[in-house]
Amino acid sequence: MQGIDHIGIAVKSIDEALPFYTDILQFKHIGTEVVEEQRVKVAFIDAINCKIELLEPTDENSTVYKFIEKRGEGIHHIAIKTENIEQDIKYLKDEKLRLINESPRIGAGDALVSFIHPKSCGGVLYELCQHKED
């Protein structure tokens, strides 16, 4: 595992949240896409030493929608960059950590992703993230 790739932040509206990051903090908006499988619209922001991922639910069945309803907007997850997600999933399973996904799924930017359940991580949702170029 290679450190923090990005921090995911759940928001009700990317359009409303984005100016804080681009105008106030003066970070660069890299791009926005919809990840149909996860029912989210995602905006990536270059925060210089890592990325910020704004997550807007696209419908009421989205886990991000349910997160916002229960906890409000805010930090949703911390993503850890990996070169070999399959190997890291196996390692975490061997270490008896509870995984939300025991096999990788396609996430934003066509990255392979898998989530570690917060109950295994002191209440924090962690995402393993392997980018295509890795």
Protein backbone atom coordinates (compact mmCIF):
# COMPACT_ATOMS: atom_id res chain seq x y z
CA MET A 1 0.00 0.00 0.00
CA GLN A 2 1.37 3.35 -1.06
CA GLY A 3 -0.20 6.04 1.10
CA ILE A 4 -3.27 8.23 0.78
CA ASP A 5 -4.69 8.56 -2.73
CA HIS A 6 -7.69 10.73 -1.91
CA ILE A 7 -10.21 11.75 0.71
CA GLY A 8 -13.86 11.20 -0.19
CA ILE A 9 -16.33 13.83 0.97
CA ALA A 10 -20.08 13.28 0.73
CA VAL A 11 -22.00 16.34 -0.48
CA LYS A 12 -25.60 16.99 -1.42
CA SER A 13 -24.54 19.05 -4.44
CA ILE A 14 -21.18 19.17 -6.20
CA ASP A 15 -22.23 22.42 -7.90
CA GLU A 16 -22.75 24.05 -4.50
CA ALA A 17 -19.67 22.53 -2.82
CA LEU A 18 -17.13 23.00 -5.62
CA PRO A 19 -16.62 26.80 -5.32
CA PHE A 20 -15.26 26.37 -1.78
CA TYR A 21 -12.48 24.14 -3.10
CA THR A 22 -11.76 26.04 -6.31
CA ASP A 23 -12.41 29.67 -5.34
CA ILE A 24 -11.64 29.79 -1.62
CA LEU A 25 -8.95 27.11 -1.28
CA GLN A 26 -7.79 27.68 -4.88
CA PHE A 27 -7.41 23.98 -5.67
CA LYS A 28 -7.81 22.76 -9.24
CA HIS A 29 -10.94 20.88 -10.32
CA ILE A 30 -9.60 17.90 -12.31
CA GLY A 31 -12.89 16.57 -13.64
CA THR A 32 -16.34 15.20 -12.91
CA GLU A 33 -17.98 11.91 -13.88
CA VAL A 34 -20.92 9.72 -12.96
CA VAL A 35 -20.24 6.23 -11.62
CA GLU A 36 -23.52 4.48 -12.42
CA GLU A 37 -22.73 1.28 -10.49
CA GLN A 38 -22.21 3.22 -7.26
CA ARG A 39 -25.00 5.75 -7.97
CA VAL A 40 -22.77 8.79 -7.49
CA LYS A 41 -21.54 11.82 -9.35
CA VAL A 42 -17.87 12.37 -8.53
CA ALA A 43 -15.70 15.47 -8.81
CA PHE A 44 -11.95 15.17 -8.30
CA ILE A 45 -9.95 18.09 -6.95
CA ASP A 46 -6.16 18.34 -6.94
CA ALA A 47 -5.28 19.29 -3.35
CA ILE A 48 -1.55 19.28 -4.21
CA ASN A 49 -0.37 16.46 -1.92
CA CYS A 50 -3.47 14.28 -2.48
CA LYS A 51 -6.84 14.46 -4.18
CA ILE A 52 -10.25 15.27 -2.76
CA GLU A 53 -13.21 13.35 -4.17
CA LEU A 54 -16.59 15.02 -3.82
CA LEU A 55 -19.39 12.42 -3.87
CA GLU A 56 -22.93 13.45 -4.76
CA PRO A 57 -25.62 10.77 -4.73
CA THR A 58 -27.53 10.37 -8.00
CA ASP A 59 -30.59 8.79 -6.35
CA GLU A 60 -32.05 7.72 -3.01
CA ASN A 61 -30.67 4.17 -3.36
CA SER A 62 -27.08 5.41 -3.29
CA THR A 63 -25.04 4.48 -0.22
CA VAL A 64 -23.80 8.09 -0.25
CA TYR A 65 -27.41 9.32 -0.08
CA LYS A 66 -28.00 7.07 2.94
CA PHE A 67 -24.74 8.28 4.50
CA ILE A 68 -25.78 11.93 4.16
CA GLU A 69 -29.27 11.20 5.53
CA LYS A 70 -27.78 9.50 8.59
CA ARG A 71 -24.63 11.57 9.25
CA GLY A 72 -24.89 14.69 7.12
CA GLU A 73 -22.34 15.96 4.64
CA GLY A 74 -18.69 15.39 5.45
CA ILE A 75 -15.80 12.99 5.22
CA HIS A 76 -17.03 9.72 3.79
CA HIS A 77 -13.83 7.70 3.31
CA ILE A 78 -10.05 7.75 3.03
CA ALA A 79 -8.63 6.00 -0.02
CA ILE A 80 -5.32 4.16 0.12
CA LYS A 81 -3.42 3.74 -3.13
CA THR A 82 -2.31 0.23 -3.98
CA GLU A 83 -0.40 -1.38 -6.84
CA ASN A 84 -2.00 -4.79 -6.34
CA ILE A 85 -5.52 -4.63 -4.97
CA GLU A 86 -6.11 -8.39 -5.20
CA GLN A 87 -3.03 -9.09 -3.09
CA ASP A 88 -3.99 -6.42 -0.55
CA ILE A 89 -7.55 -7.76 -0.27
CA LYS A 90 -6.15 -11.21 0.45
CA TYR A 91 -3.77 -9.77 3.04
CA LEU A 92 -6.59 -7.89 4.81
CA LYS A 93 -8.79 -10.99 4.81
CA ASP A 94 -5.89 -13.02 6.26
CA GLU A 95 -5.60 -10.35 8.97
CA LYS A 96 -9.31 -10.94 9.76
CA LEU A 97 -10.48 -7.49 8.68
CA ARG A 98 -14.08 -7.23 7.53
CA LEU A 99 -14.39 -6.13 3.92
CA ILE A 100 -17.40 -4.59 2.26
CA ASN A 101 -16.15 -5.86 -1.11
CA GLU A 102 -14.15 -9.08 -1.17
CA SER A 103 -13.36 -8.53 -4.83
CA PRO A 104 -12.59 -5.22 -6.55
CA ARG A 105 -15.26 -3.13 -8.26
CA ILE A 106 -14.90 -0.39 -10.83
CA GLY A 107 -14.87 3.08 -9.29
CA ALA A 108 -14.29 6.61 -10.53
CA GLY A 109 -11.69 6.96 -13.25
CA ASP A 110 -12.09 3.22 -13.93
CA ALA A 111 -9.96 2.49 -10.86
CA LEU A 112 -10.36 -0.83 -9.10
CA VAL A 113 -11.74 -0.23 -5.61
CA SER A 114 -12.63 -2.22 -2.51
CA PHE A 115 -13.82 -0.96 0.88
CA ILE A 116 -12.78 -2.06 4.37
CA HIS A 117 -15.68 -2.02 6.82
CA PRO A 118 -15.46 0.79 9.41
CA LYS A 119 -16.00 -1.75 12.22
CA SER A 120 -12.52 -3.12 11.42
CA CYS A 121 -10.88 0.32 11.33
CA GLY A 122 -11.94 2.29 14.38
CA GLY A 123 -15.03 3.70 12.71
CA VAL A 124 -13.30 4.96 9.53
CA LEU A 125 -14.32 3.73 6.08
CA TYR A 126 -11.18 2.98 4.05
CA GLU A 127 -11.06 2.34 0.32
CA LEU A 128 -8.31 0.48 -1.50
CA CYS A 129 -7.75 2.14 -4.87
CA GLN A 130 -5.73 0.81 -7.81
CA HIS A 131 -5.55 3.09 -10.82
CA LYS A 132 -5.39 1.71 -14.36
CA GLU A 133 -1.81 2.87 -14.90
CA ASP A 134 -0.72 0.91 -11.80
